[in-house]
Amino acid sequence: MSVQSVKDFIKQLETDDVLKQRLEAAADDQARRQIIQAAGFDFTPEEFKQAVAELAAVADKKLTPEELRNIAGGVRFCWHKTCPKDFCSYFC
């Protein structure tokens, strides 16, 4: 597991429409995690948050919630059961 895995995953999503569609069609967060791992990526929610923070720092700005969602092609990556359907309160 690593922050680099998150960055590689985000980069993959920029060009891999099939992976993006599979994630969007996944039934739940557990199914999304399985798809991500099957694609060769392994990271924790904390590593995802750290990678997003690093990407924001490189862009030299704080990202809005909309920009955070768009980093991953609009795919929701939340492993919490308490977050609203379209937004993770913890920025996972």
N, C-alpha and C. Protein backbone atom coordinates (compact mmCIF):
# COMPACT_ATOMS: atom_id res chain seq x y z
N MET A 1 0.84 -1.17 0.00
CA MET A 1 0.00 0.00 0.00
C MET A 1 0.89 1.24 0.00
N SER A 2 0.46 2.23 -0.78
CA SER A 2 1.29 3.43 -0.81
C SER A 2 0.55 4.60 -1.45
N VAL A 3 1.07 5.78 -1.15
CA VAL A 3 0.57 7.00 -1.76
C VAL A 3 0.85 6.97 -3.26
N GLN A 4 1.99 6.40 -3.64
CA GLN A 4 2.32 6.30 -5.06
C GLN A 4 1.29 5.45 -5.80
N SER A 5 0.77 4.42 -5.14
CA SER A 5 -0.26 3.59 -5.75
C SER A 5 -1.50 4.42 -6.05
N VAL A 6 -1.85 5.33 -5.15
CA VAL A 6 -2.99 6.23 -5.38
C VAL A 6 -2.73 7.10 -6.60
N LYS A 7 -1.55 7.69 -6.65
CA LYS A 7 -1.21 8.57 -7.77
C LYS A 7 -1.23 7.81 -9.09
N ASP A 8 -0.71 6.59 -9.07
CA ASP A 8 -0.74 5.76 -10.28
C ASP A 8 -2.18 5.43 -10.68
N PHE A 9 -3.01 5.16 -9.68
CA PHE A 9 -4.41 4.86 -9.92
C PHE A 9 -5.13 6.06 -10.55
N ILE A 10 -4.91 7.23 -10.01
CA ILE A 10 -5.55 8.44 -10.54
C ILE A 10 -5.09 8.68 -11.98
N LYS A 11 -3.82 8.48 -12.22
CA LYS A 11 -3.29 8.64 -13.58
C LYS A 11 -3.93 7.63 -14.54
N GLN A 12 -4.11 6.40 -14.08
CA GLN A 12 -4.75 5.36 -14.88
C GLN A 12 -6.19 5.76 -15.23
N LEU A 13 -6.90 6.34 -14.27
CA LEU A 13 -8.29 6.74 -14.50
C LEU A 13 -8.42 7.82 -15.57
N GLU A 14 -7.36 8.60 -15.76
CA GLU A 14 -7.41 9.66 -16.77
C GLU A 14 -7.56 9.09 -18.18
N THR A 15 -7.09 7.87 -18.40
CA THR A 15 -7.11 7.30 -19.75
C THR A 15 -7.89 6.00 -19.88
N ASP A 16 -8.24 5.38 -18.77
CA ASP A 16 -8.88 4.06 -18.80
C ASP A 16 -10.38 4.19 -18.56
N ASP A 17 -11.12 4.38 -19.64
CA ASP A 17 -12.57 4.54 -19.53
C ASP A 17 -13.26 3.28 -19.04
N VAL A 18 -12.71 2.12 -19.37
CA VAL A 18 -13.31 0.86 -18.94
C VAL A 18 -13.24 0.74 -17.42
N LEU A 19 -12.09 1.04 -16.85
CA LEU A 19 -11.94 0.99 -15.40
C LEU A 19 -12.87 2.00 -14.74
N LYS A 20 -12.94 3.19 -15.29
CA LYS A 20 -13.82 4.23 -14.75
C LYS A 20 -15.28 3.76 -14.77
N GLN A 21 -15.70 3.15 -15.88
CA GLN A 21 -17.08 2.67 -15.99
C GLN A 21 -17.36 1.54 -15.02
N ARG A 22 -16.39 0.65 -14.84
CA ARG A 22 -16.56 -0.45 -13.88
C ARG A 22 -16.73 0.09 -12.47
N LEU A 23 -15.95 1.10 -12.12
CA LEU A 23 -16.06 1.69 -10.79
C LEU A 23 -17.40 2.40 -10.61
N GLU A 24 -17.82 3.11 -11.63
CA GLU A 24 -19.10 3.83 -11.54
C GLU A 24 -20.28 2.86 -11.44
N ALA A 25 -20.15 1.68 -12.03
CA ALA A 25 -21.23 0.70 -12.03
C ALA A 25 -21.20 -0.21 -10.80
N ALA A 26 -20.15 -0.13 -10.01
CA ALA A 26 -20.03 -1.00 -8.84
C ALA A 26 -21.19 -0.78 -7.88
N ALA A 27 -21.63 -1.86 -7.28
CA ALA A 27 -22.79 -1.82 -6.40
C ALA A 27 -22.55 -1.06 -5.10
N ASP A 28 -21.34 -1.14 -4.59
CA ASP A 28 -21.06 -0.50 -3.30
C ASP A 28 -19.56 -0.24 -3.16
N ASP A 29 -19.20 0.34 -2.02
CA ASP A 29 -17.80 0.69 -1.78
C ASP A 29 -16.90 -0.54 -1.74
N GLN A 30 -17.39 -1.63 -1.18
CA GLN A 30 -16.59 -2.86 -1.14
C GLN A 30 -16.30 -3.36 -2.55
N ALA A 31 -17.28 -3.30 -3.42
CA ALA A 31 -17.08 -3.73 -4.81
C ALA A 31 -16.06 -2.82 -5.50
N ARG A 32 -16.11 -1.53 -5.21
CA ARG A 32 -15.14 -0.60 -5.80
C ARG A 32 -13.73 -0.93 -5.32
N ARG A 33 -13.58 -1.22 -4.05
CA ARG A 33 -12.26 -1.59 -3.51
C ARG A 33 -11.72 -2.83 -4.21
N GLN A 34 -12.60 -3.81 -4.44
CA GLN A 34 -12.17 -5.04 -5.11
C GLN A 34 -11.73 -4.75 -6.55
N ILE A 35 -12.45 -3.88 -7.24
CA ILE A 35 -12.09 -3.51 -8.61
C ILE A 35 -10.73 -2.81 -8.62
N ILE A 36 -10.54 -1.90 -7.68
CA ILE A 36 -9.28 -1.16 -7.59
C ILE A 36 -8.12 -2.13 -7.33
N GLN A 37 -8.31 -3.04 -6.41
CA GLN A 37 -7.26 -4.01 -6.10
C GLN A 37 -7.01 -4.96 -7.26
N ALA A 38 -8.07 -5.38 -7.95
CA ALA A 38 -7.91 -6.27 -9.10
C ALA A 38 -7.16 -5.58 -10.24
N ALA A 39 -7.26 -4.26 -10.28
CA ALA A 39 -6.55 -3.49 -11.31
C ALA A 39 -5.08 -3.28 -10.93
N GLY A 40 -4.69 -3.77 -9.75
CA GLY A 40 -3.30 -3.70 -9.35
C GLY A 40 -2.93 -2.56 -8.42
N PHE A 41 -3.93 -1.91 -7.85
CA PHE A 41 -3.68 -0.79 -6.96
C PHE A 41 -4.10 -1.16 -5.54
N ASP A 42 -3.30 -0.76 -4.57
CA ASP A 42 -3.59 -1.09 -3.18
C ASP A 42 -3.23 0.11 -2.31
N PHE A 43 -4.25 0.72 -1.72
CA PHE A 43 -4.02 1.87 -0.85
C PHE A 43 -5.14 1.98 0.16
N THR A 44 -4.83 2.66 1.24
CA THR A 44 -5.80 2.87 2.31
C THR A 44 -6.51 4.21 2.10
N PRO A 45 -7.62 4.42 2.80
CA PRO A 45 -8.27 5.74 2.72
C PRO A 45 -7.32 6.86 3.14
N GLU A 46 -6.48 6.60 4.13
CA GLU A 46 -5.53 7.62 4.58
C GLU A 46 -4.52 7.95 3.48
N GLU A 47 -4.06 6.93 2.78
CA GLU A 47 -3.12 7.17 1.68
C GLU A 47 -3.79 7.93 0.54
N PHE A 48 -5.08 7.66 0.32
CA PHE A 48 -5.82 8.39 -0.71
C PHE A 48 -5.88 9.87 -0.33
N LYS A 49 -6.21 10.16 0.94
CA LYS A 49 -6.27 11.55 1.40
C LYS A 49 -4.92 12.23 1.26
N GLN A 50 -3.85 11.52 1.62
CA GLN A 50 -2.51 12.09 1.53
C GLN A 50 -2.14 12.41 0.09
N ALA A 51 -2.46 11.49 -0.83
CA ALA A 51 -2.14 11.71 -2.24
C ALA A 51 -2.91 12.91 -2.79
N VAL A 52 -4.17 13.03 -2.42
CA VAL A 52 -4.97 14.17 -2.87
C VAL A 52 -4.38 15.47 -2.33
N ALA A 53 -3.96 15.45 -1.07
CA ALA A 53 -3.35 16.64 -0.48
C ALA A 53 -2.06 17.00 -1.21
N GLU A 54 -1.26 16.00 -1.55
CA GLU A 54 -0.02 16.25 -2.28
C GLU A 54 -0.29 16.81 -3.67
N LEU A 55 -1.29 16.25 -4.34
CA LEU A 55 -1.65 16.75 -5.68
C LEU A 55 -2.14 18.19 -5.59
N ALA A 56 -2.89 18.50 -4.55
CA ALA A 56 -3.37 19.87 -4.36
C ALA A 56 -2.20 20.81 -4.10
N ALA A 57 -1.22 20.34 -3.31
CA ALA A 57 -0.05 21.17 -3.01
C ALA A 57 0.74 21.46 -4.28
N VAL A 58 0.85 20.47 -5.15
CA VAL A 58 1.55 20.66 -6.42
C VAL A 58 0.82 21.70 -7.26
N ALA A 59 -0.50 21.66 -7.19
CA ALA A 59 -1.30 22.65 -7.92
C ALA A 59 -1.29 24.00 -7.20
N ASP A 60 -0.70 24.03 -6.01
CA ASP A 60 -0.55 25.23 -5.20
C ASP A 60 -1.89 25.87 -4.85
N LYS A 61 -2.84 25.02 -4.51
CA LYS A 61 -4.12 25.55 -4.07
C LYS A 61 -4.89 24.49 -3.32
N LYS A 62 -5.89 24.92 -2.58
CA LYS A 62 -6.78 24.00 -1.89
C LYS A 62 -7.89 23.64 -2.87
N LEU A 63 -8.15 22.35 -3.00
CA LEU A 63 -9.16 21.90 -3.95
C LEU A 63 -10.55 22.01 -3.34
N THR A 64 -11.50 22.37 -4.17
CA THR A 64 -12.90 22.40 -3.75
C THR A 64 -13.42 20.97 -3.72
N PRO A 65 -14.55 20.72 -3.05
CA PRO A 65 -15.12 19.37 -3.07
C PRO A 65 -15.37 18.87 -4.49
N GLU A 66 -15.81 19.75 -5.37
CA GLU A 66 -16.04 19.36 -6.77
C GLU A 66 -14.73 18.93 -7.44
N GLU A 67 -13.67 19.68 -7.21
CA GLU A 67 -12.37 19.33 -7.79
C GLU A 67 -11.86 18.01 -7.22
N LEU A 68 -12.10 17.76 -5.94
CA LEU A 68 -11.69 16.49 -5.35
C LEU A 68 -12.40 15.32 -6.03
N ARG A 69 -13.68 15.48 -6.29
CA ARG A 69 -14.43 14.42 -6.99
C ARG A 69 -13.89 14.23 -8.40
N ASN A 70 -13.54 15.32 -9.06
CA ASN A 70 -13.09 15.24 -10.44
C ASN A 70 -11.70 14.65 -10.59
N ILE A 71 -10.87 14.71 -9.54
CA ILE A 71 -9.54 14.12 -9.61
C ILE A 71 -9.64 12.66 -10.02
N ALA A 72 -10.61 11.99 -9.50
CA ALA A 72 -10.77 10.57 -9.80
C ALA A 72 -11.87 10.35 -10.83
N GLY A 73 -12.03 11.27 -11.72
CA GLY A 73 -12.99 11.11 -12.81
C GLY A 73 -14.43 11.05 -12.35
N GLY A 74 -14.71 11.65 -11.21
CA GLY A 74 -16.08 11.67 -10.71
C GLY A 74 -16.46 10.41 -9.96
N VAL A 75 -15.55 9.47 -9.85
CA VAL A 75 -15.85 8.23 -9.15
C VAL A 75 -15.74 8.47 -7.65
N ARG A 76 -16.69 7.99 -6.91
CA ARG A 76 -16.72 8.18 -5.46
C ARG A 76 -15.88 7.11 -4.80
N PHE A 77 -14.96 7.51 -3.95
CA PHE A 77 -14.11 6.57 -3.24
C PHE A 77 -14.29 6.77 -1.75
N CYS A 78 -15.36 6.29 -1.23
CA CYS A 78 -15.62 6.43 0.19
C CYS A 78 -15.78 5.05 0.80
N TRP A 79 -15.08 4.83 1.88
CA TRP A 79 -15.19 3.55 2.56
C TRP A 79 -15.99 3.68 3.85
N HIS A 80 -16.68 4.80 4.02
CA HIS A 80 -17.49 5.02 5.21
C HIS A 80 -18.95 4.75 4.88
N LYS A 81 -19.70 4.34 5.84
CA LYS A 81 -21.13 4.09 5.64
C LYS A 81 -21.97 5.32 5.97
N THR A 82 -21.36 6.36 6.54
CA THR A 82 -22.13 7.51 7.02
C THR A 82 -22.14 8.69 6.06
N CYS A 83 -21.37 8.63 5.00
CA CYS A 83 -21.26 9.77 4.09
C CYS A 83 -22.44 9.80 3.12
N PRO A 84 -22.82 10.99 2.66
CA PRO A 84 -23.86 11.09 1.64
C PRO A 84 -23.42 10.32 0.39
N LYS A 85 -24.38 9.92 -0.42
CA LYS A 85 -24.10 9.08 -1.58
C LYS A 85 -23.09 9.71 -2.54
N ASP A 86 -23.14 11.00 -2.76
CA ASP A 86 -22.30 11.61 -3.79
C ASP A 86 -21.08 12.35 -3.24
N PHE A 87 -20.84 12.28 -1.93
CA PHE A 87 -19.71 13.04 -1.38
C PHE A 87 -19.24 12.40 -0.09
N CYS A 88 -17.93 12.27 0.04
CA CYS A 88 -17.36 11.70 1.25
C CYS A 88 -16.98 12.84 2.19
N SER A 89 -17.51 12.82 3.37
CA SER A 89 -17.21 13.85 4.37
C SER A 89 -15.76 13.82 4.80
N TYR A 90 -15.09 12.71 4.59
CA TYR A 90 -13.70 12.54 5.03
C TYR A 90 -12.71 12.67 3.88
N PHE A 91 -13.17 12.97 2.66
CA PHE A 91 -12.34 13.09 1.48
C PHE A 91 -11.54 11.82 1.21
N CYS A 92 -12.19 10.70 1.30
CA CYS A 92 -11.53 9.43 1.00
C CYS A 92 -11.37 9.27 -0.48
